[in-house]
Amino acid sequence: MLPLTAAVLVTLASSLEPAAPAPSPAPAPQTPSQPAPAAPAPKQGDAPAGDQKPGSEADSAYVLGFTVNDIDGNPVDLSQYKGKVVLIVNVASKCGYTPQYAGLEKLYKAKADKGFVILGFPANDFGEQEPGTNSEIKSFCTSKYNVTFPMFAKISVRGTEQHPLYKKLASQPKPIGGDPGWNFTKFLVDKQGNVVARFDSKTKPEDASLNKKIDEQLAK
């Protein structure tokens, strides 16, 4: 047998040594749990969850959530009358009830300082009894009846072109709801902007039941 060289002996010894175990993989770094993102803060003017803005469809009795042009063409946000007792009247210049302008003005002056206001809405929906332009209507009201309560631009209070304000009034439950029966139908609105009563054309501004209802609302 041939003698083994030193190099061969080293090689044989190396082959007989047990293999070193493979190093364990380093544990993956743990990502700290992230907190759930906070809900965004509500913007100014947003209604809190569950609340309804005045004038929404669900707030069905509220009728001041509209902007309407006054008789001079200036936009008026009707919500500015919230806090007052309001009488909404569709008016006409050539109607048998037109003399009620005088009574309405008297009623307005008697109760305005208590927080009462009348809003007049000219309409040509009944017998074409309001044919004039807004400037003509204004001239007629001021020269003949000295009207000082707020007057608005001519609108439709019934039919396919019915103004949204009158759609809201007409949508109320009976006996308040329904389209106006004629010129000078009167809707009474409380200080919260909710319509609370209706009086037909025949009810004059000096009528005791109308005045009683207005005074009841003013006292609240």
N, C-alpha and C. Protein backbone atom coordinates (compact mmCIF):
# COMPACT_ATOMS: atom_id res chain seq x y z
N MET A 1 0.87 -1.19 0.00
CA MET A 1 0.00 0.00 0.00
C MET A 1 0.90 1.23 0.00
N LEU A 2 0.45 2.20 -0.80
CA LEU A 2 1.26 3.40 -0.91
C LEU A 2 1.04 4.29 0.30
N PRO A 3 2.10 4.92 0.73
CA PRO A 3 1.95 5.81 1.91
C PRO A 3 1.10 7.02 1.57
N LEU A 4 0.31 7.43 2.46
CA LEU A 4 -0.59 8.59 2.24
C LEU A 4 0.17 9.88 2.49
N THR A 5 -0.02 10.78 1.58
CA THR A 5 0.64 12.06 1.74
C THR A 5 -0.15 12.93 2.70
N ALA A 6 0.47 13.96 3.16
CA ALA A 6 -0.19 14.86 4.13
C ALA A 6 -1.39 15.55 3.52
N ALA A 7 -1.30 15.87 2.23
CA ALA A 7 -2.42 16.57 1.57
C ALA A 7 -3.63 15.70 1.48
N VAL A 8 -3.35 14.38 1.17
CA VAL A 8 -4.47 13.46 1.05
C VAL A 8 -5.12 13.27 2.40
N LEU A 9 -4.32 13.18 3.46
CA LEU A 9 -4.89 13.01 4.79
C LEU A 9 -5.77 14.19 5.18
N VAL A 10 -5.35 15.39 4.85
CA VAL A 10 -6.17 16.57 5.18
C VAL A 10 -7.48 16.55 4.44
N THR A 11 -7.45 16.12 3.17
CA THR A 11 -8.68 16.05 2.37
C THR A 11 -9.64 15.05 2.95
N LEU A 12 -9.09 13.84 3.36
CA LEU A 12 -9.95 12.81 3.93
C LEU A 12 -10.56 13.27 5.24
N ALA A 13 -9.79 13.96 6.01
CA ALA A 13 -10.32 14.43 7.30
C ALA A 13 -11.43 15.43 7.12
N SER A 14 -11.25 16.26 6.12
CA SER A 14 -12.29 17.28 5.87
C SER A 14 -13.58 16.65 5.43
N SER A 15 -13.48 15.60 4.61
CA SER A 15 -14.69 14.96 4.10
C SER A 15 -15.45 14.24 5.18
N LEU A 16 -14.73 13.84 6.26
CA LEU A 16 -15.39 13.11 7.33
C LEU A 16 -16.05 14.02 8.36
N GLU A 17 -15.75 15.35 8.36
CA GLU A 17 -16.36 16.26 9.33
C GLU A 17 -17.82 16.51 8.99
N PRO A 18 -18.70 16.56 9.99
CA PRO A 18 -20.13 16.82 9.70
C PRO A 18 -20.31 18.25 9.14
N ALA A 19 -21.20 18.37 8.21
CA ALA A 19 -21.47 19.69 7.58
C ALA A 19 -22.11 20.63 8.60
N ALA A 20 -21.66 21.87 8.55
CA ALA A 20 -22.22 22.87 9.48
C ALA A 20 -23.66 23.17 9.11
N PRO A 21 -24.51 23.26 10.08
CA PRO A 21 -25.94 23.56 9.75
C PRO A 21 -26.07 24.92 9.09
N ALA A 22 -27.00 24.98 8.13
CA ALA A 22 -27.24 26.25 7.42
C ALA A 22 -27.81 27.27 8.40
N PRO A 23 -27.34 28.50 8.32
CA PRO A 23 -27.87 29.52 9.27
C PRO A 23 -29.35 29.76 9.07
N SER A 24 -30.05 29.92 10.19
CA SER A 24 -31.50 30.20 10.11
C SER A 24 -31.72 31.59 9.54
N PRO A 25 -32.75 31.75 8.71
CA PRO A 25 -33.01 33.09 8.15
C PRO A 25 -33.39 34.07 9.26
N ALA A 26 -32.93 35.28 9.10
CA ALA A 26 -33.26 36.30 10.10
C ALA A 26 -34.76 36.56 10.11
N PRO A 27 -35.35 36.69 11.29
CA PRO A 27 -36.80 36.93 11.32
C PRO A 27 -37.13 38.26 10.65
N ALA A 28 -38.25 38.25 9.92
CA ALA A 28 -38.67 39.48 9.24
C ALA A 28 -39.05 40.52 10.28
N PRO A 29 -38.62 41.75 10.04
CA PRO A 29 -38.98 42.80 11.03
C PRO A 29 -40.48 42.97 11.12
N GLN A 30 -40.98 43.09 12.33
CA GLN A 30 -42.42 43.23 12.54
C GLN A 30 -42.83 44.68 12.36
N THR A 31 -43.87 44.87 11.55
CA THR A 31 -44.40 46.23 11.33
C THR A 31 -45.39 46.55 12.44
N PRO A 32 -45.20 47.61 13.16
CA PRO A 32 -46.17 47.92 14.23
C PRO A 32 -47.55 48.15 13.65
N SER A 33 -48.55 47.65 14.36
CA SER A 33 -49.93 47.82 13.88
C SER A 33 -50.26 49.29 13.77
N GLN A 34 -50.89 49.65 12.65
CA GLN A 34 -51.25 51.04 12.40
C GLN A 34 -52.65 51.33 12.95
N PRO A 35 -52.84 52.44 13.63
CA PRO A 35 -54.19 52.77 14.12
C PRO A 35 -55.11 53.10 12.94
N ALA A 36 -56.39 52.80 13.10
CA ALA A 36 -57.36 53.10 12.04
C ALA A 36 -57.39 54.60 11.81
N PRO A 37 -57.44 54.99 10.52
CA PRO A 37 -57.46 56.44 10.24
C PRO A 37 -58.67 57.10 10.87
N ALA A 38 -58.44 58.26 11.43
CA ALA A 38 -59.54 58.99 12.07
C ALA A 38 -60.49 59.52 11.01
N ALA A 39 -61.77 59.57 11.34
CA ALA A 39 -62.77 60.12 10.41
C ALA A 39 -62.49 61.60 10.20
N PRO A 40 -62.63 62.07 8.93
CA PRO A 40 -62.36 63.49 8.68
C PRO A 40 -63.31 64.38 9.46
N ALA A 41 -62.76 65.47 9.94
CA ALA A 41 -63.61 66.42 10.68
C ALA A 41 -64.63 67.03 9.74
N PRO A 42 -65.87 67.24 10.18
CA PRO A 42 -66.88 67.83 9.31
C PRO A 42 -66.51 69.25 8.94
N LYS A 43 -66.79 69.59 7.69
CA LYS A 43 -66.54 70.94 7.23
C LYS A 43 -67.54 71.89 7.84
N GLN A 44 -67.13 73.13 7.95
CA GLN A 44 -68.04 74.14 8.49
C GLN A 44 -69.27 74.24 7.59
N GLY A 45 -70.43 74.19 8.18
CA GLY A 45 -71.66 74.26 7.40
C GLY A 45 -72.29 72.91 7.15
N ASP A 46 -71.50 71.82 7.35
CA ASP A 46 -72.08 70.49 7.19
C ASP A 46 -73.04 70.20 8.33
N ALA A 47 -74.12 69.50 8.01
CA ALA A 47 -75.04 69.08 9.06
C ALA A 47 -74.47 67.87 9.77
N PRO A 48 -74.50 67.83 11.11
CA PRO A 48 -74.04 66.64 11.82
C PRO A 48 -74.83 65.42 11.39
N ALA A 49 -74.21 64.26 11.53
CA ALA A 49 -74.88 63.03 11.11
C ALA A 49 -76.22 62.90 11.80
N GLY A 50 -77.24 62.58 10.99
CA GLY A 50 -78.57 62.40 11.53
C GLY A 50 -79.39 63.66 11.58
N ASP A 51 -78.74 64.83 11.43
CA ASP A 51 -79.49 66.08 11.44
C ASP A 51 -79.95 66.43 10.04
N GLN A 52 -80.91 67.31 9.95
CA GLN A 52 -81.43 67.76 8.67
C GLN A 52 -81.35 69.27 8.63
N LYS A 53 -80.92 69.79 7.50
CA LYS A 53 -80.88 71.22 7.35
C LYS A 53 -82.29 71.76 7.19
N PRO A 54 -82.58 72.93 7.75
CA PRO A 54 -83.91 73.52 7.56
C PRO A 54 -84.21 73.67 6.08
N GLY A 55 -85.42 73.30 5.70
CA GLY A 55 -85.80 73.44 4.31
C GLY A 55 -85.60 72.18 3.50
N SER A 56 -85.05 71.10 4.12
CA SER A 56 -84.88 69.86 3.38
C SER A 56 -86.24 69.23 3.12
N GLU A 57 -86.25 68.29 2.16
CA GLU A 57 -87.52 67.65 1.81
C GLU A 57 -88.12 66.93 3.01
N ALA A 58 -87.24 66.34 3.86
CA ALA A 58 -87.77 65.62 5.01
C ALA A 58 -88.39 66.57 6.02
N ASP A 59 -87.93 67.82 6.01
CA ASP A 59 -88.45 68.83 6.95
C ASP A 59 -89.67 69.46 6.28
N SER A 60 -90.74 68.70 6.15
CA SER A 60 -91.78 69.01 5.18
C SER A 60 -92.57 70.27 5.46
N ALA A 61 -92.67 70.71 6.71
CA ALA A 61 -93.47 71.90 6.99
C ALA A 61 -92.67 73.20 6.85
N TYR A 62 -91.36 73.09 6.71
CA TYR A 62 -90.50 74.28 6.59
C TYR A 62 -90.61 74.81 5.17
N VAL A 63 -90.99 76.09 5.03
CA VAL A 63 -91.25 76.64 3.69
C VAL A 63 -90.40 77.87 3.37
N LEU A 64 -89.41 78.19 4.20
CA LEU A 64 -88.59 79.37 3.95
C LEU A 64 -87.23 79.02 3.34
N GLY A 65 -87.08 77.82 2.83
CA GLY A 65 -85.80 77.40 2.27
C GLY A 65 -85.65 77.72 0.79
N PHE A 66 -86.10 78.89 0.36
CA PHE A 66 -86.06 79.26 -1.05
C PHE A 66 -85.52 80.67 -1.21
N THR A 67 -84.92 80.92 -2.36
CA THR A 67 -84.51 82.26 -2.74
C THR A 67 -85.40 82.72 -3.89
N VAL A 68 -86.01 83.89 -3.73
CA VAL A 68 -86.98 84.42 -4.69
C VAL A 68 -86.60 85.86 -5.01
N ASN A 69 -86.79 86.27 -6.24
CA ASN A 69 -86.52 87.66 -6.60
C ASN A 69 -87.62 88.57 -6.06
N ASP A 70 -87.20 89.71 -5.51
CA ASP A 70 -88.21 90.68 -5.11
C ASP A 70 -88.73 91.42 -6.33
N ILE A 71 -89.66 92.33 -6.15
CA ILE A 71 -90.32 92.96 -7.29
C ILE A 71 -89.37 93.84 -8.11
N ASP A 72 -88.20 94.16 -7.53
CA ASP A 72 -87.18 94.92 -8.25
C ASP A 72 -86.13 94.02 -8.89
N GLY A 73 -86.31 92.70 -8.75
CA GLY A 73 -85.38 91.76 -9.38
C GLY A 73 -84.20 91.35 -8.53
N ASN A 74 -84.20 91.71 -7.26
CA ASN A 74 -83.10 91.36 -6.36
C ASN A 74 -83.40 90.03 -5.66
N PRO A 75 -82.43 89.10 -5.63
CA PRO A 75 -82.67 87.82 -4.95
C PRO A 75 -82.81 88.00 -3.44
N VAL A 76 -83.80 87.33 -2.88
CA VAL A 76 -84.07 87.40 -1.44
C VAL A 76 -84.13 85.97 -0.90
N ASP A 77 -83.29 85.69 0.09
CA ASP A 77 -83.33 84.40 0.77
C ASP A 77 -84.44 84.47 1.81
N LEU A 78 -85.48 83.68 1.60
CA LEU A 78 -86.64 83.76 2.49
C LEU A 78 -86.31 83.33 3.91
N SER A 79 -85.19 82.62 4.10
CA SER A 79 -84.84 82.20 5.46
C SER A 79 -84.53 83.40 6.36
N GLN A 80 -84.31 84.59 5.75
CA GLN A 80 -84.08 85.77 6.57
C GLN A 80 -85.30 86.14 7.40
N TYR A 81 -86.47 85.60 7.02
CA TYR A 81 -87.69 85.89 7.78
C TYR A 81 -87.94 84.89 8.90
N LYS A 82 -87.04 83.93 9.05
CA LYS A 82 -87.17 83.01 10.18
C LYS A 82 -87.01 83.81 11.46
N GLY A 83 -87.87 83.55 12.42
CA GLY A 83 -87.92 84.34 13.65
C GLY A 83 -89.08 85.31 13.66
N LYS A 84 -89.70 85.50 12.49
CA LYS A 84 -90.91 86.32 12.39
C LYS A 84 -92.11 85.43 12.08
N VAL A 85 -93.30 85.96 12.32
CA VAL A 85 -94.52 85.30 11.87
C VAL A 85 -94.82 85.88 10.49
N VAL A 86 -95.01 84.99 9.51
CA VAL A 86 -95.09 85.39 8.11
C VAL A 86 -96.46 85.02 7.53
N LEU A 87 -97.04 85.95 6.77
CA LEU A 87 -98.26 85.66 6.02
C LEU A 87 -97.90 85.75 4.53
N ILE A 88 -98.00 84.61 3.84
CA ILE A 88 -97.69 84.53 2.41
C ILE A 88 -99.00 84.64 1.64
N VAL A 89 -99.07 85.60 0.72
CA VAL A 89 -100.33 85.88 0.00
C VAL A 89 -100.03 86.00 -1.49
N ASN A 90 -100.78 85.28 -2.32
CA ASN A 90 -100.69 85.48 -3.77
C ASN A 90 -101.68 86.58 -4.16
N VAL A 91 -101.18 87.63 -4.79
CA VAL A 91 -101.97 88.84 -5.02
C VAL A 91 -102.19 89.10 -6.50
N ALA A 92 -103.16 89.95 -6.81
CA ALA A 92 -103.46 90.33 -8.19
C ALA A 92 -104.07 91.72 -8.19
N SER A 93 -103.87 92.44 -9.29
CA SER A 93 -104.28 93.86 -9.38
C SER A 93 -105.67 94.08 -9.93
N LYS A 94 -106.24 93.08 -10.59
CA LYS A 94 -107.54 93.26 -11.25
C LYS A 94 -108.54 92.21 -10.79
N CYS A 95 -108.54 91.93 -9.51
CA CYS A 95 -109.38 90.90 -8.92
C CYS A 95 -110.43 91.54 -8.02
N GLY A 96 -111.53 90.85 -7.84
CA GLY A 96 -112.54 91.34 -6.91
C GLY A 96 -112.02 91.45 -5.49
N TYR A 97 -110.95 90.69 -5.18
CA TYR A 97 -110.36 90.73 -3.84
C TYR A 97 -109.20 91.73 -3.76
N THR A 98 -108.89 92.43 -4.84
CA THR A 98 -107.77 93.37 -4.84
C THR A 98 -107.85 94.40 -3.72
N PRO A 99 -109.05 94.90 -3.34
CA PRO A 99 -109.11 95.85 -2.21
C PRO A 99 -108.54 95.30 -0.91
N GLN A 100 -108.31 93.99 -0.82
CA GLN A 100 -107.67 93.44 0.38
C GLN A 100 -106.26 93.98 0.58
N TYR A 101 -105.66 94.54 -0.47
CA TYR A 101 -104.36 95.19 -0.31
C TYR A 101 -104.39 96.20 0.84
N ALA A 102 -105.48 96.97 0.90
CA ALA A 102 -105.59 98.00 1.95
C ALA A 102 -105.60 97.35 3.33
N GLY A 103 -106.37 96.28 3.49
CA GLY A 103 -106.43 95.59 4.77
C GLY A 103 -105.12 94.91 5.12
N LEU A 104 -104.45 94.36 4.12
CA LEU A 104 -103.16 93.72 4.37
C LEU A 104 -102.12 94.74 4.85
N GLU A 105 -102.11 95.92 4.21
CA GLU A 105 -101.17 96.95 4.63
C GLU A 105 -101.47 97.41 6.05
N LYS A 106 -102.75 97.56 6.37
CA LYS A 106 -103.13 97.96 7.72
C LYS A 106 -102.70 96.91 8.74
N LEU A 107 -102.92 95.64 8.40
CA LEU A 107 -102.53 94.53 9.28
C LEU A 107 -101.02 94.51 9.48
N TYR A 108 -100.29 94.72 8.41
CA TYR A 108 -98.83 94.72 8.49
C TYR A 108 -98.33 95.83 9.40
N LYS A 109 -98.86 97.03 9.23
CA LYS A 109 -98.41 98.15 10.04
C LYS A 109 -98.77 97.96 11.52
N ALA A 110 -99.89 97.32 11.78
CA ALA A 110 -100.33 97.14 13.16
C ALA A 110 -99.47 96.13 13.92
N LYS A 111 -98.87 95.16 13.21
CA LYS A 111 -98.18 94.07 13.90
C LYS A 111 -96.71 93.95 13.52
N ALA A 112 -96.22 94.81 12.65
CA ALA A 112 -94.82 94.67 12.20
C ALA A 112 -93.83 94.80 13.35
N ASP A 113 -94.10 95.71 14.27
CA ASP A 113 -93.16 95.91 15.37
C ASP A 113 -93.20 94.77 16.38
N LYS A 114 -94.14 93.85 16.23
CA LYS A 114 -94.22 92.67 17.09
C LYS A 114 -93.53 91.46 16.45
N GLY A 115 -93.04 91.64 15.21
CA GLY A 115 -92.36 90.54 14.54
C GLY A 115 -93.20 89.87 13.47
N PHE A 116 -94.09 90.64 12.84
CA PHE A 116 -94.98 90.11 11.81
C PHE A 116 -94.62 90.72 10.46
N VAL A 117 -94.71 89.91 9.40
CA VAL A 117 -94.44 90.42 8.06
C VAL A 117 -95.37 89.72 7.06
N ILE A 118 -95.73 90.45 6.02
CA ILE A 118 -96.54 89.91 4.91
C ILE A 118 -95.65 89.86 3.68
N LEU A 119 -95.69 88.75 2.95
CA LEU A 119 -94.95 88.60 1.70
C LEU A 119 -95.96 88.45 0.56
N GLY A 120 -95.96 89.41 -0.36
CA GLY A 120 -96.91 89.40 -1.47
C GLY A 120 -96.29 88.84 -2.73
N PHE A 121 -96.97 87.86 -3.34
CA PHE A 121 -96.50 87.21 -4.55
C PHE A 121 -97.52 87.38 -5.68
N PRO A 122 -97.30 88.35 -6.57
CA PRO A 122 -98.22 88.52 -7.70
C PRO A 122 -98.23 87.28 -8.58
N ALA A 123 -99.43 86.93 -9.06
CA ALA A 123 -99.58 85.78 -9.94
C ALA A 123 -100.72 86.03 -10.92
N ASN A 124 -100.55 85.54 -12.13
CA ASN A 124 -101.55 85.73 -13.19
C ASN A 124 -102.29 84.43 -13.48
N ASP A 125 -102.42 83.58 -12.48
CA ASP A 125 -102.96 82.24 -12.69
C ASP A 125 -104.47 82.14 -12.62
N PHE A 126 -105.12 83.18 -12.16
CA PHE A 126 -106.58 83.11 -11.97
C PHE A 126 -107.24 84.23 -12.76
N GLY A 127 -107.88 83.86 -13.86
CA GLY A 127 -108.61 84.83 -14.68
C GLY A 127 -107.71 85.88 -15.32
N GLU A 128 -106.41 85.61 -15.41
CA GLU A 128 -105.45 86.57 -15.97
C GLU A 128 -105.64 87.95 -15.34
N GLN A 129 -105.77 87.95 -14.02
CA GLN A 129 -106.06 89.19 -13.28
C GLN A 129 -104.81 89.91 -12.78
N GLU A 130 -103.64 89.41 -13.19
CA GLU A 130 -102.39 90.11 -12.91
C GLU A 130 -101.54 90.14 -14.18
N PRO A 131 -101.97 90.90 -15.20
CA PRO A 131 -101.27 90.90 -16.49
C PRO A 131 -100.05 91.80 -16.54
N GLY A 132 -99.88 92.69 -15.59
CA GLY A 132 -98.84 93.71 -15.67
C GLY A 132 -97.43 93.19 -15.45
N THR A 133 -96.46 94.04 -15.77
CA THR A 133 -95.06 93.75 -15.47
C THR A 133 -94.80 94.01 -13.99
N ASN A 134 -93.64 93.59 -13.53
CA ASN A 134 -93.30 93.82 -12.13
C ASN A 134 -93.29 95.31 -11.80
N SER A 135 -92.76 96.13 -12.69
CA SER A 135 -92.73 97.56 -12.42
C SER A 135 -94.13 98.15 -12.39
N GLU A 136 -95.02 97.65 -13.25
CA GLU A 136 -96.40 98.13 -13.25
C GLU A 136 -97.12 97.70 -11.97
N ILE A 137 -96.87 96.48 -11.54
CA ILE A 137 -97.48 95.99 -10.31
C ILE A 137 -97.01 96.82 -9.12
N LYS A 138 -95.71 97.09 -9.06
CA LYS A 138 -95.17 97.89 -7.97
C LYS A 138 -95.78 99.28 -7.95
N SER A 139 -95.89 99.90 -9.12
CA SER A 139 -96.47 101.23 -9.20
C SER A 139 -97.93 101.22 -8.74
N PHE A 140 -98.68 100.21 -9.14
CA PHE A 140 -100.09 100.10 -8.76
C PHE A 140 -100.22 99.95 -7.24
N CYS A 141 -99.45 99.04 -6.65
CA CYS A 141 -99.56 98.76 -5.22
C CYS A 141 -99.21 99.98 -4.37
N THR A 142 -98.15 100.67 -4.78
CA THR A 142 -97.69 101.79 -3.95
C THR A 142 -98.55 103.04 -4.14
N SER A 143 -99.03 103.27 -5.37
CA SER A 143 -99.79 104.49 -5.63
C SER A 143 -101.23 104.37 -5.15
N LYS A 144 -101.82 103.19 -5.30
CA LYS A 144 -103.24 103.03 -4.96
C LYS A 144 -103.46 102.58 -3.52
N TYR A 145 -102.56 101.73 -3.01
CA TYR A 145 -102.78 101.14 -1.68
C TYR A 145 -101.64 101.42 -0.70
N ASN A 146 -100.64 102.18 -1.12
CA ASN A 146 -99.52 102.55 -0.24
C ASN A 146 -98.86 101.33 0.40
N VAL A 147 -98.71 100.27 -0.38
CA VAL A 147 -98.15 99.02 0.14
C VAL A 147 -96.69 99.23 0.52
N THR A 148 -96.35 98.83 1.73
CA THR A 148 -94.96 98.89 2.18
C THR A 148 -94.41 97.51 2.58
N PHE A 149 -95.28 96.50 2.67
CA PHE A 149 -94.77 95.16 2.99
C PHE A 149 -94.04 94.59 1.77
N PRO A 150 -93.13 93.62 1.97
CA PRO A 150 -92.32 93.11 0.86
C PRO A 150 -93.17 92.50 -0.26
N MET A 151 -92.87 92.94 -1.48
CA MET A 151 -93.52 92.40 -2.68
C MET A 151 -92.46 91.73 -3.54
N PHE A 152 -92.87 90.65 -4.19
CA PHE A 152 -91.93 89.85 -4.96
C PHE A 152 -92.30 89.84 -6.45
N ALA A 153 -91.36 89.36 -7.26
CA ALA A 153 -91.60 89.28 -8.69
C ALA A 153 -92.73 88.31 -8.99
N LYS A 154 -93.40 88.55 -10.09
CA LYS A 154 -94.55 87.72 -10.46
C LYS A 154 -94.11 86.28 -10.70
N ILE A 155 -94.87 85.34 -10.15
CA ILE A 155 -94.58 83.91 -10.29
C ILE A 155 -95.86 83.18 -10.63
N SER A 156 -95.74 81.88 -10.89
CA SER A 156 -96.91 81.01 -11.01
C SER A 156 -97.10 80.27 -9.69
N VAL A 157 -98.33 80.23 -9.23
CA VAL A 157 -98.62 79.56 -7.96
C VAL A 157 -99.36 78.24 -8.16
N ARG A 158 -99.55 77.85 -9.40
CA ARG A 158 -100.15 76.55 -9.71
C ARG A 158 -99.76 76.19 -11.14
N GLY A 159 -100.09 74.97 -11.54
CA GLY A 159 -99.84 74.54 -12.92
C GLY A 159 -98.42 74.05 -13.14
N THR A 160 -98.07 73.87 -14.42
CA THR A 160 -96.79 73.27 -14.78
C THR A 160 -95.60 74.16 -14.42
N GLU A 161 -95.81 75.47 -14.32
CA GLU A 161 -94.72 76.38 -13.98
C GLU A 161 -94.79 76.84 -12.52
N GLN A 162 -95.48 76.09 -11.71
CA GLN A 162 -95.63 76.45 -10.30
C GLN A 162 -94.27 76.63 -9.63
N HIS A 163 -94.12 77.73 -8.91
CA HIS A 163 -92.87 78.02 -8.22
C HIS A 163 -92.64 77.00 -7.11
N PRO A 164 -91.36 76.62 -6.85
CA PRO A 164 -91.08 75.64 -5.79
C PRO A 164 -91.64 76.01 -4.43
N LEU A 165 -91.71 77.31 -4.11
CA LEU A 165 -92.31 77.71 -2.84
C LEU A 165 -93.76 77.25 -2.76
N TYR A 166 -94.50 77.45 -3.83
CA TYR A 166 -95.91 77.07 -3.82
C TYR A 166 -96.10 75.56 -4.00
N LYS A 167 -95.13 74.90 -4.61
CA LYS A 167 -95.18 73.44 -4.61
C LYS A 167 -95.07 72.92 -3.18
N LYS A 168 -94.18 73.55 -2.40
CA LYS A 168 -94.01 73.13 -1.01
C LYS A 168 -95.27 73.42 -0.20
N LEU A 169 -95.85 74.59 -0.42
CA LEU A 169 -97.09 74.92 0.29
C LEU A 169 -98.21 73.95 -0.10
N ALA A 170 -98.31 73.66 -1.40
CA ALA A 170 -99.38 72.78 -1.88
C ALA A 170 -99.20 71.35 -1.40
N SER A 171 -97.96 70.96 -1.08
CA SER A 171 -97.69 69.57 -0.68
C SER A 171 -98.04 69.29 0.77
N GLN A 172 -98.43 70.32 1.52
CA GLN A 172 -98.75 70.11 2.94
C GLN A 172 -100.02 69.27 3.09
N PRO A 173 -100.15 68.58 4.21
CA PRO A 173 -101.39 67.81 4.45
C PRO A 173 -102.59 68.76 4.54
N LYS A 174 -103.73 68.23 4.22
CA LYS A 174 -104.97 69.00 4.39
C LYS A 174 -105.18 69.27 5.88
N PRO A 175 -105.76 70.37 6.25
CA PRO A 175 -106.42 71.38 5.41
C PRO A 175 -105.50 72.49 4.92
N ILE A 176 -104.19 72.41 5.22
CA ILE A 176 -103.29 73.48 4.79
C ILE A 176 -102.92 73.32 3.32
N GLY A 177 -102.67 72.10 2.89
CA GLY A 177 -102.13 71.86 1.56
C GLY A 177 -103.12 72.09 0.43
N GLY A 178 -102.60 71.89 -0.78
CA GLY A 178 -103.37 72.11 -1.99
C GLY A 178 -103.03 73.45 -2.63
N ASP A 179 -103.22 73.54 -3.94
CA ASP A 179 -102.96 74.80 -4.64
C ASP A 179 -103.89 75.90 -4.13
N PRO A 180 -103.46 77.15 -4.24
CA PRO A 180 -104.38 78.24 -3.90
C PRO A 180 -105.66 78.14 -4.73
N GLY A 181 -106.79 78.44 -4.09
CA GLY A 181 -108.06 78.36 -4.81
C GLY A 181 -108.30 79.56 -5.69
N TRP A 182 -107.70 80.70 -5.34
CA TRP A 182 -107.86 81.94 -6.10
C TRP A 182 -106.84 82.95 -5.57
N ASN A 183 -106.89 84.15 -6.14
CA ASN A 183 -106.03 85.21 -5.63
C ASN A 183 -106.34 85.51 -4.16
N PHE A 184 -105.31 85.94 -3.44
CA PHE A 184 -105.40 86.33 -2.03
C PHE A 184 -105.68 85.16 -1.08
N THR A 185 -105.22 83.96 -1.48
CA THR A 185 -105.14 82.85 -0.53
C THR A 185 -103.97 83.14 0.42
N LYS A 186 -104.15 82.82 1.68
CA LYS A 186 -103.18 83.22 2.71
C LYS A 186 -102.66 82.01 3.46
N PHE A 187 -101.32 81.92 3.53
CA PHE A 187 -100.65 80.85 4.30
C PHE A 187 -99.91 81.50 5.45
N LEU A 188 -100.15 81.01 6.66
CA LEU A 188 -99.49 81.55 7.85
C LEU A 188 -98.32 80.66 8.25
N VAL A 189 -97.17 81.30 8.48
CA VAL A 189 -95.93 80.58 8.80
C VAL A 189 -95.44 81.03 10.18
N ASP A 190 -95.06 80.07 11.01
CA ASP A 190 -94.64 80.41 12.38
C ASP A 190 -93.18 80.87 12.41
N LYS A 191 -92.68 81.16 13.61
CA LYS A 191 -91.33 81.72 13.74
C LYS A 191 -90.23 80.75 13.36
N GLN A 192 -90.54 79.47 13.34
CA GLN A 192 -89.57 78.46 12.93
C GLN A 192 -89.56 78.25 11.41
N GLY A 193 -90.47 78.93 10.71
CA GLY A 193 -90.53 78.77 9.26
C GLY A 193 -91.45 77.67 8.79
N ASN A 194 -92.28 77.16 9.70
CA ASN A 194 -93.22 76.08 9.36
C ASN A 194 -94.60 76.64 9.08
N VAL A 195 -95.22 76.21 7.99
CA VAL A 195 -96.56 76.67 7.69
C VAL A 195 -97.54 76.00 8.64
N VAL A 196 -98.42 76.80 9.25
CA VAL A 196 -99.28 76.28 10.32
C VAL A 196 -100.76 76.49 10.07
N ALA A 197 -101.12 77.33 9.09
CA ALA A 197 -102.54 77.59 8.85
C ALA A 197 -102.73 78.13 7.45
N ARG A 198 -103.96 78.01 6.97
CA ARG A 198 -104.34 78.49 5.64
C ARG A 198 -105.70 79.17 5.74
N PHE A 199 -105.82 80.29 5.01
CA PHE A 199 -107.09 81.02 4.96
C PHE A 199 -107.40 81.31 3.50
N ASP A 200 -108.65 81.11 3.10
CA ASP A 200 -108.98 81.28 1.69
C ASP A 200 -109.16 82.75 1.33
N SER A 201 -109.43 82.97 0.06
CA SER A 201 -109.51 84.34 -0.47
C SER A 201 -110.57 85.18 0.23
N LYS A 202 -111.64 84.56 0.64
CA LYS A 202 -112.75 85.30 1.25
C LYS A 202 -112.42 85.81 2.65
N THR A 203 -111.38 85.23 3.26
CA THR A 203 -111.00 85.68 4.60
C THR A 203 -110.27 87.02 4.49
N LYS A 204 -110.91 88.07 5.00
CA LYS A 204 -110.33 89.40 4.90
C LYS A 204 -109.20 89.57 5.93
N PRO A 205 -108.28 90.49 5.67
CA PRO A 205 -107.18 90.70 6.60
C PRO A 205 -107.63 91.08 8.01
N GLU A 206 -108.80 91.70 8.13
CA GLU A 206 -109.30 92.09 9.45
C GLU A 206 -110.11 90.99 10.13
N ASP A 207 -110.21 89.82 9.50
CA ASP A 207 -110.99 88.72 10.05
C ASP A 207 -110.47 88.32 11.43
N ALA A 208 -111.40 88.09 12.36
CA ALA A 208 -111.03 87.81 13.75
C ALA A 208 -110.24 86.51 13.88
N SER A 209 -110.63 85.47 13.14
CA SER A 209 -109.94 84.19 13.26
C SER A 209 -108.51 84.27 12.73
N LEU A 210 -108.31 85.04 11.66
CA LEU A 210 -106.97 85.24 11.13
C LEU A 210 -106.10 86.00 12.13
N ASN A 211 -106.63 87.08 12.67
CA ASN A 211 -105.87 87.88 13.63
C ASN A 211 -105.56 87.10 14.90
N LYS A 212 -106.50 86.30 15.34
CA LYS A 212 -106.27 85.48 16.54
C LYS A 212 -105.12 84.51 16.31
N LYS A 213 -105.11 83.88 15.14
CA LYS A 213 -104.06 82.90 14.83
C LYS A 213 -102.69 83.59 14.73
N ILE A 214 -102.68 84.77 14.13
CA ILE A 214 -101.41 85.52 14.04
C ILE A 214 -100.91 85.88 15.44
N ASP A 215 -101.80 86.37 16.28
CA ASP A 215 -101.41 86.77 17.63
C ASP A 215 -100.93 85.60 18.46
N GLU A 216 -101.55 84.43 18.27
CA GLU A 216 -101.10 83.23 18.97
C GLU A 216 -99.65 82.90 18.61
N GLN A 217 -99.34 83.02 17.33
CA GLN A 217 -97.97 82.71 16.89
C GLN A 217 -96.99 83.77 17.36
N LEU A 218 -97.41 85.02 17.38
CA LEU A 218 -96.53 86.09 17.86
C LEU A 218 -96.21 85.91 19.34
N ALA A 219 -97.14 85.37 20.08
CA ALA A 219 -96.96 85.21 21.53
C ALA A 219 -96.03 84.05 21.89
N LYS A 220 -95.72 83.20 20.95
CA LYS A 220 -94.89 82.02 21.25
C LYS A 220 -93.42 82.41 21.28
